[in-house]
Amino acid sequence: MRAVTESEHMQPPSFGSATLSVLMRPTEANLRGTIHGGEILKLADTTAGTVGYRWSGGVVVTAYLDEMAFLEPVQVGDILTTQGQVNWTGRTSFEVGVRIETQRYDDTTGTKLHVGSAYFLMVAVDREGRPRPVPAVKPETVAERSRYAEAEIRRTHRLARKAEIAARRSTV
């Protein structure tokens, strides 16, 4: 985990968590009757933004979508639920993981199905749009420490990919 200065405070990942549930309508469906991936992504990004606002105490922007995995199709009539929380923090940026589940329209048991996961890199910004510091995350459970470590792996890969592409472009 990153070093925290005396002036910073730490928060548990649950501090900024958010859940959003939406009934999926025909206007969000494609020709097969399943919900467009872009609609699901939009809801996941909205959840990440809500988490970010709560976490940082102000405006955030999505800087990077690190990964979006669609595991199962979502149908018209399903209740889609997105749950997000902070996995990792840097100085001005942080990763929000979003789990996407659905309750099928024809399932009266209330069973939820994991249909997707996404990882957003958010940046807190001030009124002028400049990055501003965010509170550090303090993972408390084994699962939270695991999500933190996985987020660091994604960050390392993202930065290495960026450096490799920049190096390649400089030789062209």
C-alpha atoms as a PDB file:
ATOM      1  CA  MET A   1       0.000   0.000   0.000  1.00  0.00           C
ATOM      2  CA  ARG A   2       1.134   3.567  -0.588  1.00  0.00           C
ATOM      3  CA  ALA A   3       2.588   5.655   2.223  1.00  0.00           C
ATOM      4  CA  VAL A   4       0.146   8.016   3.891  1.00  0.00           C
ATOM      5  CA  THR A   5       1.275  11.394   5.179  1.00  0.00           C
ATOM      6  CA  GLU A   6       0.201  12.715   8.563  1.00  0.00           C
ATOM      7  CA  SER A   7      -2.126  15.227   6.900  1.00  0.00           C
ATOM      8  CA  GLU A   8      -4.003  12.483   5.052  1.00  0.00           C
ATOM      9  CA  HIS A   9      -6.712  10.325   6.482  1.00  0.00           C
ATOM     10  CA  MET A  10      -7.599   6.773   5.542  1.00  0.00           C
ATOM     11  CA  GLN A  11     -11.031   5.356   4.868  1.00  0.00           C
ATOM     12  CA  PRO A  12     -12.272   1.767   4.587  1.00  0.00           C
ATOM     13  CA  PRO A  13     -13.371   0.705   1.071  1.00  0.00           C
ATOM     14  CA  SER A  14     -16.981   0.627   2.246  1.00  0.00           C
ATOM     15  CA  PHE A  15     -16.940   4.394   2.993  1.00  0.00           C
ATOM     16  CA  GLY A  16     -17.951   5.426  -0.513  1.00  0.00           C
ATOM     17  CA  SER A  17     -19.780   2.284  -1.589  1.00  0.00           C
ATOM     18  CA  ALA A  18     -22.925   2.656  -3.684  1.00  0.00           C
ATOM     19  CA  THR A  19     -25.618   0.411  -5.120  1.00  0.00           C
ATOM     20  CA  LEU A  20     -27.890   1.234  -8.046  1.00  0.00           C
ATOM     21  CA  SER A  21     -30.839  -0.928  -9.187  1.00  0.00           C
ATOM     22  CA  VAL A  22     -32.703  -0.369 -12.450  1.00  0.00           C
ATOM     23  CA  LEU A  23     -35.474  -2.235 -14.273  1.00  0.00           C
ATOM     24  CA  MET A  24     -34.274  -2.992 -17.810  1.00  0.00           C
ATOM     25  CA  ARG A  25     -36.711  -1.724 -20.448  1.00  0.00           C
ATOM     26  CA  PRO A  26     -37.212  -2.460 -24.154  1.00  0.00           C
ATOM     27  CA  THR A  27     -35.631   0.920 -25.066  1.00  0.00           C
ATOM     28  CA  GLU A  28     -32.292  -0.403 -23.747  1.00  0.00           C
ATOM     29  CA  ALA A  29     -32.426  -3.647 -25.753  1.00  0.00           C
ATOM     30  CA  ASN A  30     -30.840  -4.715 -29.008  1.00  0.00           C
ATOM     31  CA  LEU A  31     -32.576  -6.683 -31.773  1.00  0.00           C
ATOM     32  CA  ARG A  32     -32.118  -9.952 -29.839  1.00  0.00           C
ATOM     33  CA  GLY A  33     -33.983  -8.590 -26.824  1.00  0.00           C
ATOM     34  CA  THR A  34     -30.908  -8.420 -24.628  1.00  0.00           C
ATOM     35  CA  ILE A  35     -29.656  -5.216 -23.078  1.00  0.00           C
ATOM     36  CA  HIS A  36     -26.953  -3.305 -24.969  1.00  0.00           C
ATOM     37  CA  GLY A  37     -23.536  -3.609 -23.379  1.00  0.00           C
ATOM     38  CA  GLY A  38     -23.233   0.175 -23.594  1.00  0.00           C
ATOM     39  CA  GLU A  39     -26.311   0.581 -21.392  1.00  0.00           C
ATOM     40  CA  ILE A  40     -24.791  -1.717 -18.777  1.00  0.00           C
ATOM     41  CA  LEU A  41     -21.476   0.110 -19.036  1.00  0.00           C
ATOM     42  CA  LYS A  42     -23.249   3.461 -18.562  1.00  0.00           C
ATOM     43  CA  LEU A  43     -24.899   2.214 -15.350  1.00  0.00           C
ATOM     44  CA  ALA A  44     -21.581   0.836 -14.098  1.00  0.00           C
ATOM     45  CA  ASP A  45     -19.889   4.195 -14.828  1.00  0.00           C
ATOM     46  CA  THR A  46     -22.703   6.039 -13.026  1.00  0.00           C
ATOM     47  CA  THR A  47     -22.148   3.798 -10.012  1.00  0.00           C
ATOM     48  CA  ALA A  48     -18.376   4.386 -10.148  1.00  0.00           C
ATOM     49  CA  GLY A  49     -18.985   8.147 -10.324  1.00  0.00           C
ATOM     50  CA  THR A  50     -21.301   8.000  -7.315  1.00  0.00           C
ATOM     51  CA  VAL A  51     -18.713   6.035  -5.339  1.00  0.00           C
ATOM     52  CA  GLY A  52     -16.067   8.532  -6.421  1.00  0.00           C
ATOM     53  CA  TYR A  53     -18.124  11.534  -5.377  1.00  0.00           C
ATOM     54  CA  ARG A  54     -18.759  10.022  -1.956  1.00  0.00           C
ATOM     55  CA  TRP A  55     -15.150   8.886  -1.554  1.00  0.00           C
ATOM     56  CA  SER A  56     -13.477  12.135  -2.530  1.00  0.00           C
ATOM     57  CA  GLY A  57     -16.124  14.557  -1.300  1.00  0.00           C
ATOM     58  CA  GLY A  58     -16.516  16.212  -4.679  1.00  0.00           C
ATOM     59  CA  VAL A  59     -16.452  15.955  -8.454  1.00  0.00           C
ATOM     60  CA  VAL A  60     -14.651  13.073 -10.140  1.00  0.00           C
ATOM     61  CA  VAL A  61     -14.102  12.100 -13.751  1.00  0.00           C
ATOM     62  CA  THR A  62     -13.629   8.710 -15.340  1.00  0.00           C
ATOM     63  CA  ALA A  63     -10.051   8.581 -16.593  1.00  0.00           C
ATOM     64  CA  TYR A  64      -9.833   4.978 -17.677  1.00  0.00           C
ATOM     65  CA  LEU A  65     -11.951   1.877 -18.016  1.00  0.00           C
ATOM     66  CA  ASP A  66      -9.476  -0.833 -17.189  1.00  0.00           C
ATOM     67  CA  GLU A  67     -11.713  -3.794 -17.801  1.00  0.00           C
ATOM     68  CA  MET A  68     -15.320  -4.672 -18.503  1.00  0.00           C
ATOM     69  CA  ALA A  69     -16.323  -8.320 -18.497  1.00  0.00           C
ATOM     70  CA  PHE A  70     -19.785  -9.341 -19.698  1.00  0.00           C
ATOM     71  CA  LEU A  71     -20.453 -12.786 -18.228  1.00  0.00           C
ATOM     72  CA  GLU A  72     -24.155 -13.353 -19.006  1.00  0.00           C
ATOM     73  CA  PRO A  73     -26.761 -11.531 -21.125  1.00  0.00           C
ATOM     74  CA  VAL A  74     -29.264  -9.241 -19.403  1.00  0.00           C
ATOM     75  CA  GLN A  75     -32.887  -9.470 -20.540  1.00  0.00           C
ATOM     76  CA  VAL A  76     -35.657  -6.909 -20.830  1.00  0.00           C
ATOM     77  CA  GLY A  77     -37.550  -6.963 -17.521  1.00  0.00           C
ATOM     78  CA  ASP A  78     -34.526  -7.962 -15.424  1.00  0.00           C
ATOM     79  CA  ILE A  79     -33.637  -5.867 -12.393  1.00  0.00           C
ATOM     80  CA  LEU A  80     -29.998  -4.896 -12.895  1.00  0.00           C
ATOM     81  CA  THR A  81     -28.001  -3.999  -9.791  1.00  0.00           C
ATOM     82  CA  THR A  82     -24.553  -2.415  -9.798  1.00  0.00           C
ATOM     83  CA  GLN A  83     -22.489  -2.341  -6.611  1.00  0.00           C
ATOM     84  CA  GLY A  84     -19.288  -0.317  -6.421  1.00  0.00           C
ATOM     85  CA  GLN A  85     -16.537   0.388  -3.946  1.00  0.00           C
ATOM     86  CA  VAL A  86     -12.987   1.748  -3.920  1.00  0.00           C
ATOM     87  CA  ASN A  87     -10.326  -0.922  -4.398  1.00  0.00           C
ATOM     88  CA  TRP A  88      -7.145   1.181  -4.542  1.00  0.00           C
ATOM     89  CA  THR A  89      -6.067   4.810  -4.170  1.00  0.00           C
ATOM     90  CA  GLY A  90      -3.210   6.893  -5.468  1.00  0.00           C
ATOM     91  CA  ARG A  91      -2.636  10.580  -4.738  1.00  0.00           C
ATOM     92  CA  THR A  92      -5.436  11.979  -6.955  1.00  0.00           C
ATOM     93  CA  SER A  93      -6.793   8.857  -8.618  1.00  0.00           C
ATOM     94  CA  PHE A  94      -8.430   5.682  -7.407  1.00  0.00           C
ATOM     95  CA  GLU A  95      -9.887   2.469  -8.753  1.00  0.00           C
ATOM     96  CA  VAL A  96     -13.557   1.672  -8.311  1.00  0.00           C
ATOM     97  CA  GLY A  97     -14.628  -1.919  -8.832  1.00  0.00           C
ATOM     98  CA  VAL A  98     -18.230  -2.443  -9.923  1.00  0.00           C
ATOM     99  CA  ARG A  99     -20.009  -5.784  -9.651  1.00  0.00           C
ATOM    100  CA  ILE A 100     -23.051  -6.158 -11.902  1.00  0.00           C
ATOM    101  CA  GLU A 101     -25.840  -8.562 -10.999  1.00  0.00           C
ATOM    102  CA  THR A 102     -29.323  -9.207 -12.279  1.00  0.00           C
ATOM    103  CA  GLN A 103     -32.484 -10.682 -10.895  1.00  0.00           C
ATOM    104  CA  ARG A 104     -34.291 -12.358 -13.776  1.00  0.00           C
ATOM    105  CA  TYR A 105     -37.792 -11.092 -14.519  1.00  0.00           C
ATOM    106  CA  ASP A 106     -39.179 -14.627 -14.306  1.00  0.00           C
ATOM    107  CA  ASP A 107     -37.310 -15.659 -11.119  1.00  0.00           C
ATOM    108  CA  THR A 108     -39.548 -15.238  -8.083  1.00  0.00           C
ATOM    109  CA  THR A 109     -36.908 -16.537  -5.649  1.00  0.00           C
ATOM    110  CA  GLY A 110     -34.885 -13.306  -5.643  1.00  0.00           C
ATOM    111  CA  THR A 111     -31.753 -15.110  -6.796  1.00  0.00           C
ATOM    112  CA  LYS A 112     -29.136 -12.770  -8.214  1.00  0.00           C
ATOM    113  CA  LEU A 113     -26.865 -13.718 -11.104  1.00  0.00           C
ATOM    114  CA  HIS A 114     -23.394 -12.173 -11.513  1.00  0.00           C
ATOM    115  CA  VAL A 115     -23.483 -10.827 -15.089  1.00  0.00           C
ATOM    116  CA  GLY A 116     -20.439  -8.562 -15.215  1.00  0.00           C
ATOM    117  CA  SER A 117     -17.579  -6.733 -13.556  1.00  0.00           C
ATOM    118  CA  ALA A 118     -15.834  -3.467 -14.379  1.00  0.00           C
ATOM    119  CA  TYR A 119     -12.853  -1.504 -13.062  1.00  0.00           C
ATOM    120  CA  PHE A 120     -12.789   2.274 -13.443  1.00  0.00           C
ATOM    121  CA  LEU A 121      -9.879   4.612 -12.757  1.00  0.00           C
ATOM    122  CA  MET A 122     -11.397   7.818 -11.399  1.00  0.00           C
ATOM    123  CA  VAL A 123      -9.677  11.173 -10.820  1.00  0.00           C
ATOM    124  CA  ALA A 124     -10.897  13.763  -8.324  1.00  0.00           C
ATOM    125  CA  VAL A 125     -10.933  17.273  -9.810  1.00  0.00           C
ATOM    126  CA  ASP A 126     -11.338  20.783  -8.433  1.00  0.00           C
ATOM    127  CA  ARG A 127     -13.505  23.576  -9.872  1.00  0.00           C
ATOM    128  CA  GLU A 128     -10.923  24.276 -12.571  1.00  0.00           C
ATOM    129  CA  GLY A 129     -10.733  20.618 -13.570  1.00  0.00           C
ATOM    130  CA  ARG A 130      -7.306  20.063 -12.020  1.00  0.00           C
ATOM    131  CA  PRO A 131      -6.592  16.834 -10.124  1.00  0.00           C
ATOM    132  CA  ARG A 132      -6.954  17.103  -6.353  1.00  0.00           C
ATOM    133  CA  PRO A 133      -5.868  14.744  -3.558  1.00  0.00           C
ATOM    134  CA  VAL A 134      -8.115  11.919  -2.378  1.00  0.00           C
ATOM    135  CA  PRO A 135      -8.244  10.051   0.936  1.00  0.00           C
ATOM    136  CA  ALA A 136      -6.205   6.860   1.084  1.00  0.00           C
ATOM    137  CA  VAL A 137      -7.974   3.509   1.222  1.00  0.00           C
ATOM    138  CA  LYS A 138      -7.469   1.243   4.212  1.00  0.00           C
ATOM    139  CA  PRO A 139      -8.384  -2.330   3.248  1.00  0.00           C
ATOM    140  CA  GLU A 140      -9.643  -4.147   6.334  1.00  0.00           C
ATOM    141  CA  THR A 141     -10.747  -7.618   5.241  1.00  0.00           C
ATOM    142  CA  VAL A 142      -8.962 -10.373   3.349  1.00  0.00           C
ATOM    143  CA  ALA A 143     -11.216  -9.711   0.336  1.00  0.00           C
ATOM    144  CA  GLU A 144     -10.458  -5.958   0.432  1.00  0.00           C
ATOM    145  CA  ARG A 145      -6.702  -6.601   0.645  1.00  0.00           C
ATOM    146  CA  SER A 146      -7.009  -8.993  -2.296  1.00  0.00           C
ATOM    147  CA  ARG A 147      -8.920  -6.392  -4.371  1.00  0.00           C
ATOM    148  CA  TYR A 148      -6.242  -3.822  -3.489  1.00  0.00           C
ATOM    149  CA  ALA A 149      -3.447  -6.149  -4.658  1.00  0.00           C
ATOM    150  CA  GLU A 150      -5.326  -6.978  -7.880  1.00  0.00           C
ATOM    151  CA  ALA A 151      -5.863  -3.250  -8.528  1.00  0.00           C
ATOM    152  CA  GLU A 152      -2.113  -2.690  -8.170  1.00  0.00           C
ATOM    153  CA  ILE A 153      -1.527  -5.393 -10.798  1.00  0.00           C
ATOM    154  CA  ARG A 154      -3.966  -3.667 -13.177  1.00  0.00           C
ATOM    155  CA  ARG A 155      -2.210  -0.332 -12.514  1.00  0.00           C
ATOM    156  CA  THR A 156       1.238  -1.836 -13.192  1.00  0.00           C
ATOM    157  CA  HIS A 157       0.016  -3.364 -16.459  1.00  0.00           C
ATOM    158  CA  ARG A 158      -1.744  -0.143 -17.500  1.00  0.00           C
ATOM    159  CA  LEU A 159       1.396   1.957 -16.914  1.00  0.00           C
ATOM    160  CA  ALA A 160       3.664  -0.598 -18.633  1.00  0.00           C
ATOM    161  CA  ARG A 161       1.335  -0.734 -21.655  1.00  0.00           C
ATOM    162  CA  LYS A 162       1.281   3.076 -21.832  1.00  0.00           C
ATOM    163  CA  ALA A 163       5.097   3.256 -21.674  1.00  0.00           C
ATOM    164  CA  GLU A 164       5.519   0.534 -24.301  1.00  0.00           C
ATOM    165  CA  ILE A 165       3.115   2.260 -26.707  1.00  0.00           C
ATOM    166  CA  ALA A 166       4.849   5.627 -26.168  1.00  0.00           C
ATOM    167  CA  ALA A 167       8.246   4.005 -26.839  1.00  0.00           C
ATOM    168  CA  ARG A 168       6.908   2.363 -29.992  1.00  0.00           C
ATOM    169  CA  ARG A 169       5.433   5.613 -31.276  1.00  0.00           C
ATOM    170  CA  SER A 170       8.680   7.476 -30.699  1.00  0.00           C
ATOM    171  CA  THR A 171      10.475   5.101 -33.102  1.00  0.00           C
ATOM    172  CA  VAL A 172       7.937   5.424 -35.901  1.00  0.00           C
END
